Protein backbone atom coordinates (compact mmCIF):
# COMPACT_ATOMS: atom_id res chain seq x y z
CA MET A 1 -39.92 20.86 30.98
CA VAL A 2 -37.62 20.00 33.89
CA ARG A 3 -38.44 16.31 33.47
CA LEU A 4 -37.68 16.50 29.73
CA LYS A 5 -34.33 18.11 30.46
CA GLU A 6 -33.46 15.38 32.95
CA VAL A 7 -34.37 12.70 30.42
CA ILE A 8 -32.19 14.31 27.74
CA VAL A 9 -29.23 14.61 30.13
CA THR A 10 -29.67 11.00 31.28
CA PHE A 11 -29.83 9.78 27.70
CA PHE A 12 -26.81 11.83 26.63
CA ASN A 13 -24.74 10.47 29.55
CA ASN A 14 -25.81 6.84 29.14
CA ARG A 15 -22.83 4.57 28.59
CA TRP A 16 -24.82 2.42 26.17
CA LEU A 17 -25.42 5.48 23.97
CA VAL A 18 -21.64 6.02 23.93
CA PHE A 19 -21.13 2.36 23.00
CA VAL A 20 -23.67 2.45 20.17
CA ALA A 21 -22.22 5.71 18.82
CA ALA A 22 -18.75 4.13 18.96
CA MET A 23 -20.09 1.19 16.95
CA TRP A 24 -21.34 3.63 14.31
CA ILE A 25 -17.97 5.36 14.21
CA GLN A 26 -16.23 2.02 13.79
CA SER A 27 -18.64 1.25 10.95
CA CYS A 28 -16.82 3.86 8.88
CA ALA A 29 -13.38 3.56 10.50
CA GLY A 30 -12.12 0.72 8.33
CA ILE A 31 -11.53 2.77 5.20
CA GLY A 32 -8.18 1.05 4.76
CA TYR A 33 -10.09 -2.09 3.77
CA LEU A 34 -11.35 -0.23 0.69
CA PHE A 35 -7.89 0.47 -0.70
CA GLY A 36 -8.15 -2.58 -2.94
CA SER A 37 -11.24 -1.00 -4.52
CA ILE A 38 -9.86 2.51 -4.99
CA SER A 39 -6.33 1.57 -6.06
CA PRO A 40 -7.38 0.51 -9.62
CA VAL A 41 -8.98 3.94 -10.10
CA ILE A 42 -5.80 5.66 -8.94
CA LYS A 43 -3.66 3.37 -11.13
CA SER A 44 -5.63 3.99 -14.30
CA SER A 45 -6.18 7.71 -13.76
CA LEU A 46 -2.55 8.52 -12.94
CA ASN A 47 -0.96 5.86 -15.21
CA TYR A 48 0.83 4.19 -12.32
CA ASN A 49 2.46 0.78 -12.59
CA GLN A 50 1.93 -1.96 -10.02
CA LYS A 51 5.12 -1.10 -8.17
CA GLN A 52 3.94 2.47 -7.62
CA VAL A 53 0.54 1.26 -6.45
CA ALA A 54 2.29 -1.08 -4.03
CA ARG A 55 4.08 1.91 -2.51
CA LEU A 56 0.74 3.61 -1.99
CA GLY A 57 -0.39 0.43 -0.25
CA VAL A 58 2.59 0.59 2.10
CA ALA A 59 1.71 4.20 2.92
CA LYS A 60 -1.84 3.08 3.65
CA ASP A 61 -0.64 0.32 5.97
CA LEU A 62 1.62 2.71 7.86
CA GLY A 63 -1.15 5.26 8.21
CA ASP A 64 -3.50 2.60 9.54
CA SER A 65 -1.02 1.38 12.17
CA VAL A 66 1.09 4.34 13.30
CA GLY A 67 -1.04 5.85 16.05
CA PHE A 68 1.59 7.38 18.31
CA LEU A 69 0.18 10.88 17.90
CA ALA A 70 -3.42 9.79 18.51
CA GLY A 71 -2.40 7.84 21.60
CA SER A 72 -0.36 10.70 23.02
CA LEU A 73 -3.00 13.34 22.33
CA SER A 74 -5.66 11.18 24.00
CA GLU A 75 -4.00 12.01 27.33
CA VAL A 76 -4.23 15.79 26.91
CA LEU A 77 -7.14 16.53 24.55
CA PRO A 78 -10.87 15.86 24.94
CA MET A 79 -12.28 13.03 22.91
CA TRP A 80 -14.25 15.30 20.59
CA ALA A 81 -11.04 17.13 19.63
CA LEU A 82 -9.35 13.83 18.73
CA LEU A 83 -12.29 12.82 16.57
CA LEU A 84 -12.26 16.20 14.86
CA LEU A 85 -8.54 15.91 14.10
CA GLY A 86 -9.04 12.43 12.67
CA ALA A 87 -11.97 13.56 10.55
CA ILE A 88 -9.97 16.49 9.16
CA GLN A 89 -7.05 14.21 8.32
CA ASN A 90 -9.36 11.75 6.57
CA PHE A 91 -11.13 14.53 4.65
CA VAL A 92 -7.96 16.35 3.58
CA GLY A 93 -6.00 13.21 2.66
CA TYR A 94 -8.55 11.37 0.58
CA GLY A 95 -10.27 14.57 -0.57
CA TRP A 96 -7.05 15.78 -2.17
CA VAL A 97 -6.51 12.36 -3.75
CA TRP A 98 -10.01 12.62 -5.26
CA LEU A 99 -9.26 16.07 -6.67
CA ILE A 100 -6.07 14.76 -8.30
CA VAL A 101 -7.70 11.62 -9.71
CA THR A 102 -10.59 13.60 -11.22
CA GLY A 103 -8.24 16.20 -12.72
CA LYS A 104 -9.53 19.03 -10.53
CA ALA A 105 -6.07 19.47 -8.98
CA PRO A 106 -2.63 19.13 -10.60
CA MET A 107 -0.85 15.79 -10.48
CA LEU A 108 1.71 15.49 -7.67
CA PRO A 109 4.85 13.34 -7.27
CA LEU A 110 4.44 9.80 -6.00
CA TRP A 111 5.90 10.58 -2.58
CA VAL A 112 3.29 13.31 -2.08
CA MET A 113 0.54 10.89 -3.07
CA CYS A 114 1.93 8.42 -0.51
CA LEU A 115 1.86 11.20 2.09
CA LEU A 116 -1.77 12.02 1.28
CA ILE A 117 -2.79 8.37 1.55
CA PHE A 118 -0.90 8.12 4.85
CA ILE A 119 -2.61 11.24 6.24
CA GLY A 120 -6.06 10.13 5.13
CA THR A 121 -5.77 6.61 6.49
CA ASN A 122 -4.09 7.78 9.70
CA GLY A 123 -7.39 9.42 10.63
CA GLU A 124 -8.58 5.91 11.47
CA THR A 125 -6.19 5.75 14.43
CA TYR A 126 -8.01 8.67 16.05
CA PHE A 127 -11.38 6.98 15.54
CA ASN A 128 -10.12 3.68 16.97
CA THR A 129 -8.40 5.33 19.92
CA VAL A 130 -11.45 7.35 20.96
CA ALA A 131 -13.87 4.46 20.53
CA LEU A 132 -11.73 1.96 22.46
CA VAL A 133 -10.57 4.31 25.23
CA SER A 134 -14.08 5.62 25.90
CA CYS A 135 -15.83 2.25 25.86
CA VAL A 136 -13.18 0.35 27.81
CA GLN A 137 -13.39 2.99 30.54
CA ASN A 138 -17.19 2.91 30.49
CA PHE A 139 -17.32 -0.90 30.59
CA PRO A 140 -14.32 -1.86 32.76
CA LYS A 141 -15.76 -5.29 33.56
CA ASN A 142 -16.81 -6.09 29.99
CA ARG A 143 -13.65 -5.18 28.09
CA GLY A 144 -13.52 -8.38 26.06
CA PRO A 145 -17.03 -8.19 24.59
CA VAL A 146 -16.75 -4.42 24.08
CA VAL A 147 -13.47 -4.59 22.18
CA GLY A 148 -14.61 -7.62 20.18
CA ILE A 149 -17.82 -5.89 19.06
CA LEU A 150 -16.06 -2.63 18.15
CA LYS A 151 -13.39 -4.46 16.16
CA GLY A 152 -16.11 -6.52 14.51
CA PHE A 153 -17.85 -3.37 13.27
CA ALA A 154 -14.50 -2.04 12.04
CA GLY A 155 -14.07 -5.27 10.07
CA LEU A 156 -17.52 -4.88 8.55
CA SER A 157 -16.99 -1.21 7.68
CA GLY A 158 -15.61 -1.98 4.25
CA ALA A 159 -18.71 -4.00 3.34
CA ILE A 160 -21.01 -1.34 4.80
CA LEU A 161 -19.37 1.47 2.82
CA THR A 162 -19.38 -0.67 -0.33
CA GLN A 163 -23.11 -1.24 -0.01
CA ILE A 164 -23.72 2.49 0.47
CA TYR A 165 -21.61 3.15 -2.63
CA ALA A 166 -23.77 0.67 -4.58
CA LEU A 167 -26.76 2.82 -3.60
CA VAL A 168 -25.15 5.87 -5.21
CA ASN A 169 -24.76 3.98 -8.51
CA SER A 170 -22.37 6.57 -9.92
CA PRO A 171 -20.77 5.82 -13.30
CA ASP A 172 -17.68 7.69 -12.08
CA ASN A 173 -15.45 5.18 -10.29
CA ALA A 174 -13.61 8.03 -8.57
CA SER A 175 -16.79 8.77 -6.59
CA LEU A 176 -15.80 5.93 -4.25
CA ILE A 177 -12.77 7.99 -3.21
CA PHE A 178 -15.07 10.97 -2.68
CA MET A 179 -17.32 8.87 -0.44
CA VAL A 180 -14.31 7.66 1.56
CA ALA A 181 -13.32 11.30 2.12
CA VAL A 182 -16.74 12.74 2.92
CA GLY A 183 -18.69 9.85 4.50
CA PRO A 184 -16.59 9.28 7.64
CA PHE A 185 -16.16 13.04 8.05
CA MET A 186 -19.94 13.57 8.24
CA VAL A 187 -20.46 10.67 10.66
CA ILE A 188 -17.68 11.86 12.99
CA ILE A 189 -18.94 15.46 13.04
CA ALA A 190 -22.41 14.19 13.99
CA LEU A 191 -21.18 11.95 16.84
CA MET A 192 -18.00 13.58 18.14
CA PHE A 193 -19.61 15.04 21.29
CA ILE A 194 -21.25 11.74 22.27
CA VAL A 195 -18.34 9.28 22.41
CA ARG A 196 -16.48 9.95 25.66
CA PRO A 197 -16.03 8.46 29.14
CA VAL A 198 -19.20 9.03 31.18
CA GLY A 199 -18.44 7.19 34.41
CA GLY A 200 -19.96 4.02 33.03
CA HIS A 201 -18.71 1.90 35.96
CA ARG A 202 -21.48 3.53 38.03
CA GLN A 203 -24.20 2.48 35.57
CA LEU A 204 -24.23 -1.27 36.15
CA ARG A 205 -27.57 -2.96 35.53
CA LEU A 206 -28.78 -6.52 35.77
CA SER A 207 -29.98 -6.13 32.17
CA ASP A 208 -26.42 -5.58 30.87
CA GLY A 209 -26.10 -9.25 29.94
CA SER A 210 -29.28 -9.11 27.86
CA SER A 211 -28.10 -5.90 26.20
CA PHE A 212 -24.83 -7.51 25.14
CA THR A 213 -26.73 -10.53 23.85
CA LEU A 214 -28.89 -8.26 21.68
CA ILE A 215 -25.84 -6.52 20.23
CA TYR A 216 -24.14 -9.87 19.58
CA CYS A 217 -27.23 -10.98 17.65
CA VAL A 218 -27.23 -7.75 15.65
CA CYS A 219 -23.55 -8.26 14.79
CA LEU A 220 -24.10 -11.81 13.60
CA VAL A 221 -27.22 -10.94 11.61
CA LEU A 222 -25.48 -7.90 10.09
CA ALA A 223 -22.44 -9.95 9.04
CA ALA A 224 -24.59 -12.70 7.53
CA TYR A 225 -26.83 -10.14 5.80
CA LEU A 226 -23.90 -8.27 4.26
CA MET A 227 -22.36 -11.50 3.00
CA GLY A 228 -25.65 -12.58 1.46
CA VAL A 229 -26.30 -9.20 -0.15
CA MET A 230 -22.80 -9.03 -1.63
CA LEU A 231 -23.17 -12.52 -3.12
CA VAL A 232 -26.57 -11.71 -4.61
CA GLU A 233 -25.37 -8.42 -6.09
CA ASP A 234 -22.34 -10.16 -7.64
CA LEU A 235 -24.30 -13.05 -9.11
CA VAL A 236 -27.51 -11.29 -10.17
CA ASP A 237 -28.02 -8.06 -12.07
CA LEU A 238 -30.34 -6.17 -9.72
CA ASN A 239 -32.26 -3.02 -10.48
CA GLN A 240 -31.68 0.10 -8.40
CA THR A 241 -34.92 -0.30 -6.45
CA ILE A 242 -33.79 -3.65 -5.01
CA VAL A 243 -30.42 -2.16 -4.10
CA GLN A 244 -32.20 0.66 -2.29
CA ILE A 245 -34.27 -1.84 -0.32
CA PHE A 246 -31.16 -3.82 0.62
CA THR A 247 -29.43 -0.64 1.80
CA ALA A 248 -32.48 0.46 3.79
CA ILE A 249 -32.51 -2.89 5.63
CA LEU A 250 -28.78 -2.41 6.30
CA PHE A 251 -29.44 0.96 7.93
CA VAL A 252 -32.17 -0.56 10.07
CA LEU A 253 -29.82 -3.27 11.34
CA VAL A 254 -27.13 -0.71 12.16
CA VAL A 255 -29.59 1.55 14.00
CA VAL A 256 -31.33 -1.19 16.03
CA PRO A 257 -28.90 -1.05 19.01
CA ILE A 258 -29.98 2.53 19.79
CA GLY A 259 -33.04 0.94 21.37
CA ILE A 260 -30.91 -0.13 24.35
CA PRO A 261 -30.05 3.37 25.68
CA LEU A 262 -33.57 4.57 24.82
CA TRP A 263 -35.11 1.77 26.85
CA LEU A 264 -32.74 2.32 29.78
CA THR A 265 -33.47 6.05 29.75
CA PHE A 266 -37.26 5.86 29.65
CA SER A 267 -37.42 2.95 32.10
CA SER A 268 -34.99 4.46 34.59
CA ASP A 269 -36.58 2.97 37.70
CA PRO A 270 -34.76 3.06 41.05
CA ARG A 271 -32.00 0.50 41.30
CA THR A 272 -32.92 -2.90 42.63
CA PRO A 273 -31.09 -4.27 45.70
CA GLU A 274 -29.21 -6.65 43.41
CA GLU A 275 -27.96 -3.74 41.29
CA GLU A 276 -26.93 -1.80 44.38
CA SER A 277 -24.95 -4.84 45.52
CA LEU A 278 -23.19 -4.91 42.16
CA LEU A 279 -22.10 -1.32 42.62
CA SER A 280 -20.99 -1.95 46.18
CA GLU A 281 -18.61 -4.77 45.20
CA PRO A 282 -14.97 -3.77 45.63
CA GLN A 283 -13.97 -4.67 42.11
CA ASN A 284 -16.51 -2.26 40.67
CA LYS A 285 -14.63 0.59 42.28
CA GLU A 286 -11.60 -0.17 40.15
CA PRO A 287 -11.84 2.90 37.87
CA GLU A 288 -12.00 5.21 40.86
CA ARG A 289 -9.03 3.42 42.39
CA LEU A 290 -7.14 3.68 39.16
CA LEU A 291 -7.85 7.35 38.66
CA GLU A 292 -7.29 8.28 42.31
CA HIS A 293 -3.94 6.58 42.79
CA ASP A 294 -2.30 7.40 46.11
CA PRO A 295 1.38 8.19 45.48
CA ASN A 296 2.16 7.63 49.17
CA GLU A 297 0.75 4.13 49.21
CA ILE A 298 3.28 1.62 50.55
CA ILE A 299 3.80 -2.09 50.11
CA PHE A 300 5.70 -4.71 52.06
CA SER A 301 8.70 -5.97 50.18
CA GLU A 302 8.51 -9.37 51.85
CA VAL A 303 4.85 -10.17 51.06
CA GLU A 304 5.59 -12.11 47.86
CA ASP A 305 8.52 -13.92 49.47
CA GLU A 306 6.60 -14.90 52.59
CA LYS A 307 3.39 -15.89 50.80
CA PRO A 308 3.10 -19.68 50.38
CA ARG A 309 2.74 -20.79 46.77
CA GLU A 310 -0.51 -22.61 47.47
CA VAL A 311 -2.19 -19.33 48.42
CA ASP A 312 -2.59 -18.43 44.75
CA LEU A 313 -4.57 -21.64 44.19
CA LEU A 314 -7.18 -20.82 46.86
CA PRO A 315 -10.63 -19.34 46.08
CA ALA A 316 -10.57 -15.56 45.76
CA SER A 317 -12.17 -14.79 49.15
CA GLU A 318 -9.90 -17.20 51.04
CA ARG A 319 -6.86 -15.95 49.16
CA GLN A 320 -7.61 -12.34 50.10
CA LYS A 321 -8.11 -13.36 53.73
CA ARG A 322 -4.76 -15.17 53.86
CA ILE A 323 -2.94 -12.27 52.24
CA ALA A 324 -4.56 -9.81 54.67
CA GLN A 325 -3.44 -11.95 57.62
CA LEU A 326 0.09 -12.05 56.24
CA GLN A 327 0.13 -8.29 55.75
CA SER A 328 -1.09 -7.78 59.30
CA LYS A 329 1.75 -9.93 60.66
CA LEU A 330 4.26 -8.10 58.50
CA ALA A 331 2.93 -4.75 59.67
CA GLN A 332 3.40 -5.81 63.28
CA ALA A 333 6.90 -7.06 62.53
CA ALA A 334 7.69 -3.81 60.74
CA ALA A 335 6.56 -1.83 63.78
CA GLU A 336 9.01 -3.84 65.87
CA GLY A 337 11.79 -3.20 63.36
CA ALA A 338 12.04 -6.78 62.17
CA VAL A 339 10.87 -6.09 58.61
CA ARG A 340 11.86 -3.25 56.34
CA ILE A 341 9.06 -1.43 54.54
CA LYS A 342 9.79 0.08 51.18
CA ARG A 343 7.70 2.49 49.18
CA ARG A 344 6.28 1.54 45.86
CA ARG A 345 8.51 2.55 42.97
CA GLY A 346 6.00 1.90 40.25
CA PRO A 347 2.57 0.44 39.52
CA HIS A 348 1.78 -3.26 39.70
CA ARG A 349 -0.16 -5.41 37.23
CA GLY A 350 -3.71 -4.16 36.84
CA GLU A 351 -2.85 -0.60 37.87
CA ASP A 352 -2.15 2.45 35.74
CA PHE A 353 1.08 2.37 33.71
CA ASP A 354 2.29 5.05 31.37
CA LEU A 355 4.14 4.00 28.21
CA THR A 356 7.64 4.39 29.66
CA GLN A 357 6.71 2.26 32.69
CA ALA A 358 5.13 -0.42 30.48
CA LEU A 359 8.14 -0.57 28.17
CA ILE A 360 10.35 -1.95 30.96
CA LYS A 361 7.89 -4.72 31.87
CA ALA A 362 8.34 -8.23 30.52
CA ASP A 363 4.56 -8.73 30.26
CA PHE A 364 4.25 -5.82 27.84
CA TRP A 365 6.96 -7.16 25.54
CA LEU A 366 5.53 -10.67 25.73
CA ILE A 367 2.27 -9.22 24.38
CA PHE A 368 4.08 -7.19 21.71
CA ILE A 369 6.35 -10.00 20.45
CA SER A 370 3.55 -12.55 20.58
CA LEU A 371 1.36 -10.15 18.58
CA LEU A 372 4.18 -9.47 16.12
CA LEU A 373 4.74 -13.19 15.53
CA GLY A 374 1.05 -14.01 15.36
CA SER A 375 -0.24 -11.10 13.28
CA GLY A 376 -0.28 -12.66 9.83
CA SER A 377 -2.28 -11.54 6.85
CA GLY A 378 -6.06 -11.69 6.67
CA LEU A 379 -9.17 -9.64 7.18
CA THR A 380 -10.60 -8.92 10.60
CA VAL A 381 -13.76 -10.91 11.21
CA ILE A 382 -16.28 -10.85 13.99
CA ASP A 383 -15.15 -13.12 16.81
CA ASN A 384 -15.99 -13.50 20.41
CA LEU A 385 -12.85 -15.24 21.62
CA GLY A 386 -12.02 -12.11 23.60
CA GLN A 387 -14.78 -12.83 26.10
CA MET A 388 -13.85 -16.46 26.83
CA SER A 389 -11.45 -15.59 29.63
CA GLN A 390 -14.09 -13.46 31.31
CA ASP A 391 -16.51 -16.41 31.29
CA TYR A 392 -14.03 -18.51 33.02
CA ALA A 393 -12.09 -15.92 35.01
CA TYR A 394 -8.95 -17.22 33.28
CA PRO A 395 -6.13 -15.08 31.84
CA ARG A 396 -7.17 -13.52 28.55
CA PRO A 397 -3.84 -14.45 26.86
CA VAL A 398 -5.20 -18.03 26.83
CA THR A 399 -7.49 -17.00 23.99
CA MET A 400 -4.59 -15.30 22.22
CA ALA A 401 -2.68 -18.60 22.39
CA VAL A 402 -5.72 -20.38 20.92
CA ALA A 403 -5.90 -17.81 18.09
CA GLN A 404 -2.21 -18.27 17.31
CA ALA A 405 -2.58 -22.04 17.30
CA ILE A 406 -5.45 -21.67 14.81
CA MET A 407 -3.25 -19.50 12.62
CA ALA A 408 -0.43 -22.08 12.78
CA VAL A 409 -2.84 -24.68 11.38
CA GLY A 410 -3.97 -22.21 8.71
CA HIS A 411 -0.40 -21.63 7.55
CA LEU A 412 0.09 -25.40 7.30
CA PHE A 413 -2.92 -25.64 5.00
CA PHE A 414 -1.36 -23.01 2.72
CA ALA A 415 2.00 -24.77 2.81
CA MET A 416 0.61 -28.18 1.86
CA GLY A 417 -1.32 -26.86 -1.13
CA TRP A 418 -4.12 -29.39 -0.73
CA PRO A 419 -7.36 -29.03 -2.73
CA GLY A 420 -9.47 -26.34 -1.09
CA ALA A 421 -6.58 -25.33 1.18
CA MET A 422 -6.85 -21.71 0.02
CA TYR A 423 -10.37 -21.39 1.44
CA ILE A 424 -9.71 -23.23 4.71
CA GLY A 425 -6.38 -21.46 5.27
CA THR A 426 -7.90 -18.05 4.63
CA LEU A 427 -10.73 -18.78 7.05
CA LEU A 428 -8.40 -19.95 9.84
CA ILE A 429 -5.86 -17.15 9.42
CA GLY A 430 -8.60 -14.53 9.16
CA LEU A 431 -10.22 -15.87 12.33
CA GLY A 432 -6.93 -15.84 14.21
CA TYR A 433 -5.95 -12.39 12.96
CA GLY A 434 -9.29 -10.94 13.96
CA ALA A 435 -9.03 -12.57 17.37
CA HIS A 436 -5.76 -10.75 18.07
CA TRP A 437 -7.36 -7.34 17.72
CA ALA A 438 -10.30 -8.34 19.90
CA ILE A 439 -8.05 -9.72 22.65
CA VAL A 440 -4.94 -7.53 22.77
CA PRO A 441 -6.59 -4.15 23.57
CA ALA A 442 -8.58 -5.70 26.43
CA THR A 443 -5.49 -7.51 27.74
CA ALA A 444 -3.42 -4.32 27.70
CA SER A 445 -6.11 -2.41 29.62
CA GLU A 446 -6.38 -5.15 32.25
CA LEU A 447 -2.65 -5.50 32.87
CA PHE A 448 -1.51 -1.88 32.44
CA GLY A 449 -4.58 0.15 33.40
CA LEU A 450 -6.94 2.54 31.67
CA LYS A 451 -5.38 5.93 32.32
CA LYS A 452 -2.74 5.72 29.54
CA PHE A 453 -4.58 3.13 27.47
CA GLY A 454 -4.51 5.20 24.27
CA ALA A 455 -0.71 5.38 24.15
CA LEU A 456 -0.27 1.73 25.15
CA TYR A 457 -2.74 0.46 22.53
CA ASN A 458 -1.26 2.50 19.70
CA PHE A 459 2.25 1.31 20.55
CA LEU A 460 1.09 -2.30 20.36
CA THR A 461 -0.43 -1.68 16.92
CA LEU A 462 3.12 -1.13 15.64
CA ALA A 463 3.53 -4.90 15.85
CA ASN A 464 1.29 -5.20 12.79
CA PRO A 465 3.40 -3.25 10.25
CA ALA A 466 6.60 -4.53 11.89
CA GLY A 467 5.48 -8.12 11.41
CA SER A 468 4.35 -7.40 7.87
CA LEU A 469 7.68 -5.76 7.01
CA VAL A 470 9.77 -8.62 8.39
CA PHE A 471 7.68 -11.58 7.27
CA SER A 472 6.26 -10.29 3.99
CA GLY A 473 8.81 -7.72 2.89
CA LEU A 474 11.89 -9.76 3.81
CA ILE A 475 11.24 -13.46 4.42
CA ALA A 476 8.44 -14.15 1.91
CA SER A 477 9.89 -12.01 -0.89
CA TYR A 478 13.41 -13.47 -0.48
CA ILE A 479 12.17 -17.07 -0.55
CA TYR A 480 9.88 -16.35 -3.52
CA ASP A 481 12.70 -14.76 -5.53
CA SER A 482 15.02 -17.65 -4.68
CA GLU A 483 12.52 -20.23 -5.90
CA ALA A 484 11.81 -18.12 -8.99
CA GLU A 485 15.52 -17.97 -9.81
CA LYS A 486 15.79 -21.74 -9.47
CA GLN A 487 12.88 -22.23 -11.86
CA ALA A 488 14.33 -19.66 -14.27
CA GLN A 489 17.66 -21.50 -14.29
CA GLN A 490 15.88 -24.79 -14.92
CA ARG A 491 13.95 -23.30 -17.84
CA HIS A 492 17.11 -21.76 -19.25
CA GLN A 493 18.95 -25.07 -18.94
CA LEU A 494 16.07 -26.84 -20.69
CA VAL A 495 16.16 -24.38 -23.57
CA SER A 496 19.97 -24.51 -23.83
CA ASN A 497 20.05 -28.30 -23.98
CA SER A 498 17.23 -28.52 -26.50
CA THR A 499 18.04 -28.91 -30.17
CA SER A 500 14.52 -28.05 -31.26
CA LEU A 501 14.26 -24.72 -33.03
CA LEU A 502 10.58 -24.50 -32.18
CA THR A 503 11.38 -24.82 -28.45
CA LYS A 504 13.69 -21.83 -28.64
CA LEU A 505 11.30 -19.92 -30.90
CA PHE A 506 8.36 -20.22 -28.53
CA ASP A 507 10.34 -19.68 -25.33
CA THR A 508 8.51 -16.93 -23.39
CA ASN A 509 11.24 -16.21 -20.86
CA ASP A 510 11.35 -12.41 -20.56
CA ASP A 511 13.82 -12.31 -17.65
CA VAL A 512 10.97 -11.52 -15.27
CA LEU A 513 11.23 -13.64 -12.14
CA LYS A 514 8.10 -15.69 -11.79
CA CYS A 515 7.57 -18.69 -9.55
CA GLU A 516 4.94 -21.33 -10.20
CA GLY A 517 3.56 -24.01 -7.92
CA SER A 518 3.06 -24.48 -4.20
CA VAL A 519 6.82 -24.64 -3.68
CA CYS A 520 6.97 -20.85 -4.02
CA PHE A 521 5.50 -20.28 -0.58
CA PHE A 522 5.96 -23.68 1.07
CA LEU A 523 8.97 -22.69 3.16
CA THR A 524 7.45 -19.29 3.95
CA TYR A 525 4.29 -20.77 5.39
CA MET A 526 6.22 -23.42 7.30
CA ILE A 527 8.28 -20.63 8.89
CA MET A 528 5.12 -18.64 9.64
CA SER A 529 3.53 -21.69 11.23
CA GLY A 530 6.61 -22.19 13.39
CA LEU A 531 6.58 -18.52 14.43
CA CYS A 532 2.91 -18.84 15.41
CA ILE A 533 3.86 -21.80 17.62
CA ILE A 534 6.54 -19.64 19.26
CA ALA A 535 3.85 -16.99 19.77
CA VAL A 536 1.67 -19.63 21.46
CA ILE A 537 4.51 -20.41 23.87
CA LEU A 538 5.00 -16.72 24.67
CA SER A 539 1.27 -16.31 25.26
CA LEU A 540 1.26 -19.28 27.64
CA ILE A 541 4.19 -17.75 29.55
CA LEU A 542 2.12 -14.59 29.85
CA VAL A 543 -0.81 -16.71 31.08
CA ARG A 544 1.31 -18.10 33.90
CA ARG A 545 2.63 -14.68 34.87
CA THR A 546 -0.80 -13.00 34.96
CA LYS A 547 -3.04 -15.73 36.35
CA VAL A 548 -3.37 -14.10 39.77
CA VAL A 549 -4.30 -10.75 38.18
CA TYR A 550 -7.23 -12.32 36.34
CA GLN A 551 -8.36 -14.20 39.41
CA ASN A 552 -8.51 -10.88 41.24
CA LEU A 553 -10.32 -9.19 38.35
CA TYR A 554 -12.94 -11.81 37.51
CA GLY A 555 -12.75 -14.50 40.15
CA LYS A 556 -14.25 -12.56 43.04
CA THR A 557 -17.81 -12.76 41.82
CA ARG A 558 -17.54 -16.55 41.57
CA SER A 559 -15.90 -17.29 44.93
């Protein structure tokens, strides 16, 4: 009995169990991706026009991106409480919408419907915050892969929920809204006591690389499987038995990763000498150092000035030795009164920042503005660009610059209007957009610490609606209307100059601005491409500023 209790406790506190449970939460955290499927039901049931539906879409986008409250509460509330709050918001928001659409509750004004959509979708921010904060703290040396996998599952959540809805086979289209309200709520309630920080930096194993490889394979197979199933179900009229088989295979693929914590729990042999050496490395003590910050720690103000520039180009071990020698000399000089010692007035890169401290740092705004310029439209797709910098111990913003360059090329494809450009442009922009949300959270945690990560991450997500408002709501719409007015004037001039009665009789101009042809968005996409290039430049500036930080984080094991 004692042994069984120990096994259960070990399993419950395994960081891989937390990671797998976070993946499951993310599998239902992308409910915003289903708005395109539920909006026609809302439109037809409530007799809305397209403009009113568009306002609901704006409310959805704001709810998906405004995570200030979730980020702030993550610093004072336990993770299970955050998940519970998010689940309640999701249930109340979309549950009430379902009651209104089905006629079980009275119809409400449009602004109230927008508020309900906002509340329901805002529950996602709690799910994302808990999953990312917990797993980044549990895997401090694998932040790129962890964030990339979690964001990948969030991107697949729409397809997963759609397949589950196909299993229900309900003739009532409003049942999709009911599933959006109830499904995530049930999953969160079942997992809310599992996803939390468990001191994962003390659970390093040599098998971690193989475990990540297995999960990567599951992600790729799951994405390919969902794409294939969706294509088959769209092209072929399948009976319900086949749909049930497809859904059962989907559940198997989603559940497979649970084998990792089970295997680690039931094969919990004593650590090998190699694993003990991993734990004894200084960099693996980073979370303890971050959480146990010494407010009386002092620095030498002249270290950066006295340090030769070539020191930063040395291997990590030699660089640390040279810096230690310099600090020793400065300490001796300070004892003799030749050097003034000043106390630290704030954290340095890689240490814990709170939001107010981060807001006055150029690095933080470089990330934010670069994200704002680079976050175009598109769906999040599985990508592993976030782990490239870890494989090379090079600043992670390098991969962000690559993603933005890819998006710049994608915008050019849209602007040119070549045959097939729609498919290629969508692929490139979707890849780049997904890369941002796999890279940025990990970058923020590496440069500004883990302690206030929830608030920092949710502030950075504001770049998404801000970019959408400026580029889509202002630039794109203004250029489109201008081109539409030009075409309307040309049509009006053609009709006015024509002497044919039939031409005037069959003129279909109804004073509705409509633009036709690739010219409608040519200038918009050229501007977007240029902004992505500016974002690349900002990311490269950030690379230069943070190179030493990443050498200290990931270069030590390769020196």
